[in-house]
Every structure is written in structure tokens, then in C-alpha cells.
C-alpha atoms as a PDB file:
ATOM      1  CA  MET A   1       0.000   0.000   0.000  1.00  0.00           C
ATOM      2  CA  GLN A   2       1.310   3.456  -0.918  1.00  0.00           C
ATOM      3  CA  SER A   3       2.398   5.622   1.995  1.00  0.00           C
ATOM      4  CA  TYR A   4       1.821   9.362   1.847  1.00  0.00           C
ATOM      5  CA  THR A   5       3.845  11.945   3.721  1.00  0.00           C
ATOM      6  CA  ILE A   6       3.220  15.612   4.398  1.00  0.00           C
ATOM      7  CA  ALA A   7       6.325  17.777   4.659  1.00  0.00           C
ATOM      8  CA  PRO A   8       5.766  21.359   5.822  1.00  0.00           C
ATOM      9  CA  SER A   9       8.318  23.755   4.371  1.00  0.00           C
ATOM     10  CA  LEU A  10      10.071  25.657   7.139  1.00  0.00           C
ATOM     11  CA  LEU A  11      10.617  28.555   4.744  1.00  0.00           C
ATOM     12  CA  SER A  12       7.141  29.694   5.820  1.00  0.00           C
ATOM     13  CA  ALA A  13       7.627  29.037   9.536  1.00  0.00           C
ATOM     14  CA  ASP A  14       8.208  31.675  12.218  1.00  0.00           C
ATOM     15  CA  PHE A  15      11.999  31.956  12.295  1.00  0.00           C
ATOM     16  CA  SER A  16      11.910  33.826  15.599  1.00  0.00           C
ATOM     17  CA  ARG A  17      10.711  30.575  17.178  1.00  0.00           C
ATOM     18  CA  LEU A  18      11.734  28.009  14.600  1.00  0.00           C
ATOM     19  CA  GLY A  19      12.214  25.074  16.955  1.00  0.00           C
ATOM     20  CA  ASP A  20       8.811  25.600  18.561  1.00  0.00           C
ATOM     21  CA  ASP A  21       7.074  26.048  15.213  1.00  0.00           C
ATOM     22  CA  ALA A  22       8.764  22.963  13.755  1.00  0.00           C
ATOM     23  CA  GLN A  23       7.698  20.839  16.721  1.00  0.00           C
ATOM     24  CA  ALA A  24       4.177  22.282  16.633  1.00  0.00           C
ATOM     25  CA  VAL A  25       3.637  21.247  13.026  1.00  0.00           C
ATOM     26  CA  LEU A  26       4.940  17.752  13.772  1.00  0.00           C
ATOM     27  CA  ASP A  27       2.622  17.494  16.770  1.00  0.00           C
ATOM     28  CA  ALA A  28      -0.194  18.513  14.418  1.00  0.00           C
ATOM     29  CA  GLY A  29       0.416  15.453  12.239  1.00  0.00           C
ATOM     30  CA  ALA A  30       3.202  16.298   9.781  1.00  0.00           C
ATOM     31  CA  ASP A  31       5.653  13.525   8.899  1.00  0.00           C
ATOM     32  CA  ILE A  32       8.782  15.309   7.658  1.00  0.00           C
ATOM     33  CA  LEU A  33      10.262  18.789   7.889  1.00  0.00           C
ATOM     34  CA  HIS A  34      11.369  20.350   4.603  1.00  0.00           C
ATOM     35  CA  LEU A  35      14.306  22.761   4.629  1.00  0.00           C
ATOM     36  CA  ASP A  36      14.797  25.050   1.614  1.00  0.00           C
ATOM     37  CA  VAL A  37      18.447  26.010   1.153  1.00  0.00           C
ATOM     38  CA  MET A  38      18.986  28.962  -1.199  1.00  0.00           C
ATOM     39  CA  ASP A  39      22.299  30.649  -1.968  1.00  0.00           C
ATOM     40  CA  ASN A  40      21.347  33.873  -3.830  1.00  0.00           C
ATOM     41  CA  HIS A  41      23.256  32.415  -6.760  1.00  0.00           C
ATOM     42  CA  TYR A  42      21.417  29.395  -8.142  1.00  0.00           C
ATOM     43  CA  VAL A  43      18.174  31.073  -7.059  1.00  0.00           C
ATOM     44  CA  PRO A  44      17.467  34.744  -6.293  1.00  0.00           C
ATOM     45  CA  ASN A  45      17.093  34.385  -2.548  1.00  0.00           C
ATOM     46  CA  LEU A  46      19.189  33.579   0.528  1.00  0.00           C
ATOM     47  CA  THR A  47      17.871  31.359   3.302  1.00  0.00           C
ATOM     48  CA  VAL A  48      19.587  28.958   5.693  1.00  0.00           C
ATOM     49  CA  GLY A  49      22.718  26.866   6.072  1.00  0.00           C
ATOM     50  CA  PRO A  50      23.744  23.689   7.899  1.00  0.00           C
ATOM     51  CA  LEU A  51      23.794  25.436  11.288  1.00  0.00           C
ATOM     52  CA  VAL A  52      20.010  25.755  11.175  1.00  0.00           C
ATOM     53  CA  CYS A  53      19.622  22.036  10.491  1.00  0.00           C
ATOM     54  CA  ALA A  54      22.002  21.261  13.350  1.00  0.00           C
ATOM     55  CA  ALA A  55      20.098  23.683  15.617  1.00  0.00           C
ATOM     56  CA  LEU A  56      16.829  21.858  14.929  1.00  0.00           C
ATOM     57  CA  ARG A  57      18.461  18.592  15.960  1.00  0.00           C
ATOM     58  CA  LYS A  58      19.899  20.244  19.066  1.00  0.00           C
ATOM     59  CA  TYR A  59      16.452  21.610  19.889  1.00  0.00           C
ATOM     60  CA  GLY A  60      15.222  18.024  19.931  1.00  0.00           C
ATOM     61  CA  ILE A  61      13.618  17.470  16.520  1.00  0.00           C
ATOM     62  CA  LYS A  62      13.638  13.714  15.877  1.00  0.00           C
ATOM     63  CA  ALA A  63      11.578  13.644  12.688  1.00  0.00           C
ATOM     64  CA  PRO A  64      13.243  13.298   9.274  1.00  0.00           C
ATOM     65  CA  ILE A  65      14.602  16.522   7.801  1.00  0.00           C
ATOM     66  CA  ASP A  66      14.339  16.778   4.025  1.00  0.00           C
ATOM     67  CA  VAL A  67      16.969  19.205   2.708  1.00  0.00           C
ATOM     68  CA  HIS A  68      16.424  20.771  -0.716  1.00  0.00           C
ATOM     69  CA  LEU A  69      19.641  22.321  -2.008  1.00  0.00           C
ATOM     70  CA  MET A  70      19.028  25.221  -4.382  1.00  0.00           C
ATOM     71  CA  VAL A  71      22.732  26.012  -4.531  1.00  0.00           C
ATOM     72  CA  THR A  72      25.749  25.637  -6.736  1.00  0.00           C
ATOM     73  CA  PRO A  73      28.164  23.950  -6.316  1.00  0.00           C
ATOM     74  CA  VAL A  74      26.517  21.220  -4.250  1.00  0.00           C
ATOM     75  CA  ASP A  75      29.081  18.712  -2.962  1.00  0.00           C
ATOM     76  CA  SER A  76      30.523  20.674  -0.031  1.00  0.00           C
ATOM     77  CA  LEU A  77      27.052  21.495   1.289  1.00  0.00           C
ATOM     78  CA  ILE A  78      25.971  17.882   0.862  1.00  0.00           C
ATOM     79  CA  THR A  79      28.686  16.924   3.328  1.00  0.00           C
ATOM     80  CA  ASP A  80      27.854  19.801   5.687  1.00  0.00           C
ATOM     81  CA  PHE A  81      24.139  19.028   5.811  1.00  0.00           C
ATOM     82  CA  ALA A  82      24.696  15.295   6.250  1.00  0.00           C
ATOM     83  CA  GLU A  83      26.878  16.078   9.257  1.00  0.00           C
ATOM     84  CA  ALA A  84      24.248  18.530  10.532  1.00  0.00           C
ATOM     85  CA  GLY A  85      21.570  15.829  10.696  1.00  0.00           C
ATOM     86  CA  ALA A  86      19.801  15.823   7.328  1.00  0.00           C
ATOM     87  CA  THR A  87      17.802  12.701   6.432  1.00  0.00           C
ATOM     88  CA  ASN A  88      17.168  13.341   2.727  1.00  0.00           C
ATOM     89  CA  ILE A  89      19.202  15.600   0.460  1.00  0.00           C
ATOM     90  CA  THR A  90      18.048  16.645  -2.994  1.00  0.00           C
ATOM     91  CA  PHE A  91      19.801  18.896  -5.492  1.00  0.00           C
ATOM     92  CA  HIS A  92      19.249  20.182  -9.017  1.00  0.00           C
ATOM     93  CA  PRO A  93      21.073  18.269 -11.771  1.00  0.00           C
ATOM     94  CA  ASP A  94      22.169  21.465 -13.513  1.00  0.00           C
ATOM     95  CA  ALA A  95      23.833  22.626 -10.284  1.00  0.00           C
ATOM     96  CA  SER A  96      26.242  19.673 -10.126  1.00  0.00           C
ATOM     97  CA  THR A  97      29.160  19.057 -12.457  1.00  0.00           C
ATOM     98  CA  HIS A  98      28.858  15.304 -11.860  1.00  0.00           C
ATOM     99  CA  VAL A  99      25.322  14.254 -10.919  1.00  0.00           C
ATOM    100  CA  ASP A 100      26.161  10.580 -10.420  1.00  0.00           C
ATOM    101  CA  ARG A 101      29.054  11.453  -8.105  1.00  0.00           C
ATOM    102  CA  SER A 102      26.919  13.854  -6.043  1.00  0.00           C
ATOM    103  CA  LEU A 103      24.172  11.255  -5.619  1.00  0.00           C
ATOM    104  CA  ASP A 104      26.763   8.699  -4.606  1.00  0.00           C
ATOM    105  CA  LEU A 105      28.188  11.113  -2.039  1.00  0.00           C
ATOM    106  CA  ILE A 106      24.778  11.642  -0.424  1.00  0.00           C
ATOM    107  CA  ARG A 107      24.268   7.906  -0.027  1.00  0.00           C
ATOM    108  CA  LYS A 108      27.773   7.289   1.264  1.00  0.00           C
ATOM    109  CA  LEU A 109      27.095   9.867   3.973  1.00  0.00           C
ATOM    110  CA  GLY A 110      24.048   7.879   5.092  1.00  0.00           C
ATOM    111  CA  CYS A 111      21.281  10.068   3.643  1.00  0.00           C
ATOM    112  CA  LYS A 112      18.577   9.374   1.089  1.00  0.00           C
ATOM    113  CA  ALA A 113      19.403  10.944  -2.273  1.00  0.00           C
ATOM    114  CA  GLY A 114      17.209  12.807  -4.701  1.00  0.00           C
ATOM    115  CA  LEU A 115      17.104  15.053  -7.737  1.00  0.00           C
ATOM    116  CA  SER A 116      15.029  18.240  -7.859  1.00  0.00           C
ATOM    117  CA  LEU A 117      13.600  19.148 -11.245  1.00  0.00           C
ATOM    118  CA  ASN A 118      12.600  22.699 -12.163  1.00  0.00           C
ATOM    119  CA  PRO A 119       9.395  23.252 -14.186  1.00  0.00           C
ATOM    120  CA  ALA A 120      11.266  23.326 -17.517  1.00  0.00           C
ATOM    121  CA  THR A 121      13.726  20.526 -16.640  1.00  0.00           C
ATOM    122  CA  THR A 122      12.981  17.283 -18.485  1.00  0.00           C
ATOM    123  CA  LEU A 123      12.979  13.819 -16.940  1.00  0.00           C
ATOM    124  CA  ASP A 124      15.817  12.640 -19.213  1.00  0.00           C
ATOM    125  CA  CYS A 125      18.407  13.188 -16.483  1.00  0.00           C
ATOM    126  CA  LEU A 126      16.888  10.330 -14.460  1.00  0.00           C
ATOM    127  CA  GLU A 127      17.633   7.588 -16.978  1.00  0.00           C
ATOM    128  CA  TYR A 128      21.149   6.603 -15.936  1.00  0.00           C
ATOM    129  CA  VAL A 129      20.918   7.270 -12.192  1.00  0.00           C
ATOM    130  CA  MET A 130      17.723   5.461 -11.221  1.00  0.00           C
ATOM    131  CA  ASP A 131      19.747   3.009  -9.119  1.00  0.00           C
ATOM    132  CA  LYS A 132      20.986   5.880  -6.946  1.00  0.00           C
ATOM    133  CA  LEU A 133      17.685   7.684  -6.418  1.00  0.00           C
ATOM    134  CA  ASP A 134      15.466   7.480  -3.356  1.00  0.00           C
ATOM    135  CA  LEU A 135      13.481  10.574  -4.226  1.00  0.00           C
ATOM    136  CA  ILE A 136      12.458  12.708  -7.202  1.00  0.00           C
ATOM    137  CA  LEU A 137      11.345  16.224  -6.317  1.00  0.00           C
ATOM    138  CA  ILE A 138       9.088  17.810  -8.936  1.00  0.00           C
ATOM    139  CA  MET A 139       9.093  21.598  -8.641  1.00  0.00           C
ATOM    140  CA  SER A 140       5.631  22.927  -9.415  1.00  0.00           C
ATOM    141  CA  VAL A 141       6.863  26.530  -9.175  1.00  0.00           C
ATOM    142  CA  ASN A 142      10.117  28.145 -10.193  1.00  0.00           C
ATOM    143  CA  PRO A 143      12.403  27.897  -7.161  1.00  0.00           C
ATOM    144  CA  GLY A 144      13.465  30.837  -5.049  1.00  0.00           C
ATOM    145  CA  PHE A 145      10.396  32.101  -3.242  1.00  0.00           C
ATOM    146  CA  GLY A 146       7.506  30.747  -1.204  1.00  0.00           C
ATOM    147  CA  GLY A 147       3.838  31.496  -1.780  1.00  0.00           C
ATOM    148  CA  GLN A 148       3.769  30.941  -5.559  1.00  0.00           C
ATOM    149  CA  SER A 149       0.915  29.362  -7.522  1.00  0.00           C
ATOM    150  CA  PHE A 150       1.038  25.751  -8.718  1.00  0.00           C
ATOM    151  CA  ILE A 151       2.074  25.343 -12.376  1.00  0.00           C
ATOM    152  CA  PRO A 152      -0.504  22.929 -13.907  1.00  0.00           C
ATOM    153  CA  SER A 153       1.949  21.274 -16.325  1.00  0.00           C
ATOM    154  CA  ALA A 154       3.659  19.742 -13.278  1.00  0.00           C
ATOM    155  CA  LEU A 155       0.829  17.195 -13.166  1.00  0.00           C
ATOM    156  CA  THR A 156       1.923  15.777 -16.523  1.00  0.00           C
ATOM    157  CA  LYS A 157       5.497  15.527 -15.282  1.00  0.00           C
ATOM    158  CA  ILE A 158       4.391  13.781 -12.077  1.00  0.00           C
ATOM    159  CA  LYS A 159       2.435  11.209 -14.099  1.00  0.00           C
ATOM    160  CA  ARG A 160       5.389  10.552 -16.385  1.00  0.00           C
ATOM    161  CA  ALA A 161       7.806  10.265 -13.461  1.00  0.00           C
ATOM    162  CA  HIS A 162       5.436   7.764 -11.852  1.00  0.00           C
ATOM    163  CA  GLU A 163       5.435   5.702 -15.054  1.00  0.00           C
ATOM    164  CA  ILE A 164       9.246   5.751 -15.230  1.00  0.00           C
ATOM    165  CA  ILE A 165       9.563   4.598 -11.625  1.00  0.00           C
ATOM    166  CA  LYS A 166       6.984   1.845 -12.118  1.00  0.00           C
ATOM    167  CA  ALA A 167       8.804   0.582 -15.201  1.00  0.00           C
ATOM    168  CA  SER A 168      12.110   0.565 -13.333  1.00  0.00           C
ATOM    169  CA  GLY A 169      10.802  -1.564 -10.492  1.00  0.00           C
ATOM    170  CA  LYS A 170      12.538   0.754  -8.016  1.00  0.00           C
ATOM    171  CA  GLN A 171      11.121   2.145  -4.787  1.00  0.00           C
ATOM    172  CA  ILE A 172      11.459   5.889  -5.381  1.00  0.00           C
ATOM    173  CA  ASP A 173       9.313   8.576  -3.800  1.00  0.00           C
ATOM    174  CA  ILE A 174       7.839  11.441  -5.803  1.00  0.00           C
ATOM    175  CA  ALA A 175       7.751  14.727  -3.904  1.00  0.00           C
ATOM    176  CA  VAL A 176       6.024  17.868  -5.145  1.00  0.00           C
ATOM    177  CA  ASP A 177       6.979  21.355  -4.025  1.00  0.00           C
ATOM    178  CA  GLY A 178       5.273  24.622  -4.907  1.00  0.00           C
ATOM    179  CA  GLY A 179       1.713  25.835  -4.568  1.00  0.00           C
ATOM    180  CA  VAL A 180       0.546  22.619  -2.872  1.00  0.00           C
ATOM    181  CA  LYS A 181      -2.732  23.341  -1.076  1.00  0.00           C
ATOM    182  CA  THR A 182      -5.759  21.529   0.294  1.00  0.00           C
ATOM    183  CA  ASP A 183      -7.716  22.182  -2.894  1.00  0.00           C
ATOM    184  CA  ASN A 184      -5.157  20.610  -5.260  1.00  0.00           C
ATOM    185  CA  ILE A 185      -3.349  18.016  -3.139  1.00  0.00           C
ATOM    186  CA  GLY A 186      -5.804  15.282  -4.137  1.00  0.00           C
ATOM    187  CA  GLU A 187      -5.161  15.864  -7.829  1.00  0.00           C
ATOM    188  CA  ILE A 188      -1.404  15.826  -7.172  1.00  0.00           C
ATOM    189  CA  ALA A 189      -1.711  12.509  -5.312  1.00  0.00           C
ATOM    190  CA  LYS A 190      -3.823  11.046  -8.116  1.00  0.00           C
ATOM    191  CA  ALA A 191      -1.061  11.944 -10.590  1.00  0.00           C
ATOM    192  CA  GLY A 192       1.357   9.749  -8.642  1.00  0.00           C
ATOM    193  CA  ALA A 193       3.020  11.861  -5.954  1.00  0.00           C
ATOM    194  CA  ASN A 194       3.332  10.524  -2.423  1.00  0.00           C
ATOM    195  CA  MET A 195       5.235  13.323  -0.639  1.00  0.00           C
ATOM    196  CA  PHE A 196       3.674  16.754  -0.409  1.00  0.00           C
ATOM    197  CA  ILE A 197       5.704  19.838   0.495  1.00  0.00           C
ATOM    198  CA  ALA A 198       3.591  22.784   1.600  1.00  0.00           C
ATOM    199  CA  GLY A 199       4.716  26.031   3.165  1.00  0.00           C
ATOM    200  CA  SER A 200       2.276  28.910   3.424  1.00  0.00           C
ATOM    201  CA  ALA A 201      -0.683  26.535   2.973  1.00  0.00           C
ATOM    202  CA  ILE A 202       0.157  25.091   6.395  1.00  0.00           C
ATOM    203  CA  PHE A 203       2.108  27.733   8.286  1.00  0.00           C
ATOM    204  CA  GLY A 204      -0.245  30.460   7.066  1.00  0.00           C
ATOM    205  CA  GLN A 205      -3.164  28.829   8.881  1.00  0.00           C
ATOM    206  CA  PRO A 206      -4.024  29.397  12.554  1.00  0.00           C
ATOM    207  CA  ASP A 207      -4.558  25.680  13.210  1.00  0.00           C
ATOM    208  CA  TYR A 208      -1.904  23.372  11.726  1.00  0.00           C
ATOM    209  CA  LYS A 209      -3.753  20.220  12.795  1.00  0.00           C
ATOM    210  CA  THR A 210      -6.926  21.181  10.939  1.00  0.00           C
ATOM    211  CA  VAL A 211      -5.212  21.936   7.628  1.00  0.00           C
ATOM    212  CA  ILE A 212      -3.007  18.820   7.760  1.00  0.00           C
ATOM    213  CA  ALA A 213      -6.066  16.676   8.491  1.00  0.00           C
ATOM    214  CA  ALA A 214      -7.870  18.278   5.564  1.00  0.00           C
ATOM    215  CA  MET A 215      -4.920  17.529   3.289  1.00  0.00           C
ATOM    216  CA  ARG A 216      -4.877  13.890   4.379  1.00  0.00           C
ATOM    217  CA  ALA A 217      -8.607  13.606   3.730  1.00  0.00           C
ATOM    218  CA  GLN A 218      -8.141  14.894   0.178  1.00  0.00           C
ATOM    219  CA  ILE A 219      -5.251  12.476  -0.405  1.00  0.00           C
ATOM    220  CA  LYS A 220      -7.260   9.543   0.916  1.00  0.00           C
ATOM    221  CA  SER A 221     -10.216  10.442  -1.288  1.00  0.00           C
ATOM    222  CA  ALA A 222      -7.983  10.706  -4.379  1.00  0.00           C
ATOM    223  CA  ALA A 223      -6.241   7.413  -3.597  1.00  0.00           C
ATOM    224  CA  GLY A 224      -9.605   5.708  -3.552  1.00  0.00           C
END
């Protein structure tokens, strides 16, 4: 049976009380915490580094931390985030000189490895690294800022990625990031995604538990 995970994006959390907000959303039913790492180079914004990941672990966060690297180059930060307590690390194929080597590095450091694909990035880059993938992150907005609207063509890409994974016989998760909300999460799940990254749709609500429960209800309905 397919398992579905909800991963609130800490980019939309209250950074003045990040540990408390992270724990609150987990207590409300979230499965994974998503950490957006931007370098003001690969994307036009600057967010957090490994010290924030380490601080969450020091605070007492036990849940998986899914690190999305929107940086270039990637390898040094892969090492830093693995040491800081990351569980999953994804990066963009066009940000690494050697994609296979970077994926291998993530796994050797004990983390799950994934590729993040921008809206205009094709799925061709997956073909020769399927054996090193635990996760494919489909960006349904252009990376760099929270609060953007879902790009509908991402649904086609999710469906195709699902077909590729099924044909490979591998166990690879499909995550979707960007504009994921209660009113479209069911459609995203039906397309084949099983990990849902949502920022403002969760942290922008007064009651995290209510919105997460509503998301799960939509997923369950779509899954049939």
C-alpha cells in the first residue's frame, strides 16, 4: 500500500521561534520537515545553512529533515548538511558538475538521495541514475520564493515520473513542491506523488492540525 507523507516547508515558519514552530507542526500530524536552502546564486534568494539544520536537531527534533539544495556547487554542502543531521538531500542536476558522483556522495554519507527538477527541466536526467535515487522532487513553481501558484503542467510531469519509476521496479518517492494546497493536493496525489511539500498553505493557517487533516482527507479520497 502506498504511503503518503506531508512535509511542511520551514521557509514559511516563524523563524523567531523556529524550533517551537517545527515541533508544533509535527505534533499537528506532519511527517517530515522540509528545509529550503537557497544561496542567492542558483536562485534569487538567501535562506539557511547547515547550522540551522544542526540547531533543529539540538532543539530536539527527531523527525526526518528533508533538505532541498538550491545552490551551486553542491558537494561541499551535501557533506555539511549530512553532518548537521539531514535525512534526505536533494539537489538540481544542472547545479552539479557530476550528478552521479553527487548522488553517490549523499548515499555514502548515510542520507537518502534525490534530484530536484525545475518546471522546464525534463525527466531525461533520471535515466542513468535510477539506481541511486530514493526521491524525485518535482518543482511545481520556479524555485526561489515561497507562496507561488502551482504550475498545472507539473501534473503531466508527475504522471510521467510515476510511469518511469513503475517501469524501473525501483522504490522511489515522488515529492512535489510549490503551490501545494488543500484544494489541489488530491489531484497531485492522483497523478502519482506521495510526498507533499507545503509552506504557506500550512504555516499560514491558525490551526496546523486542521489543515493537515484536511490535506490527508483529500489524499485519501484521491487514492480511492
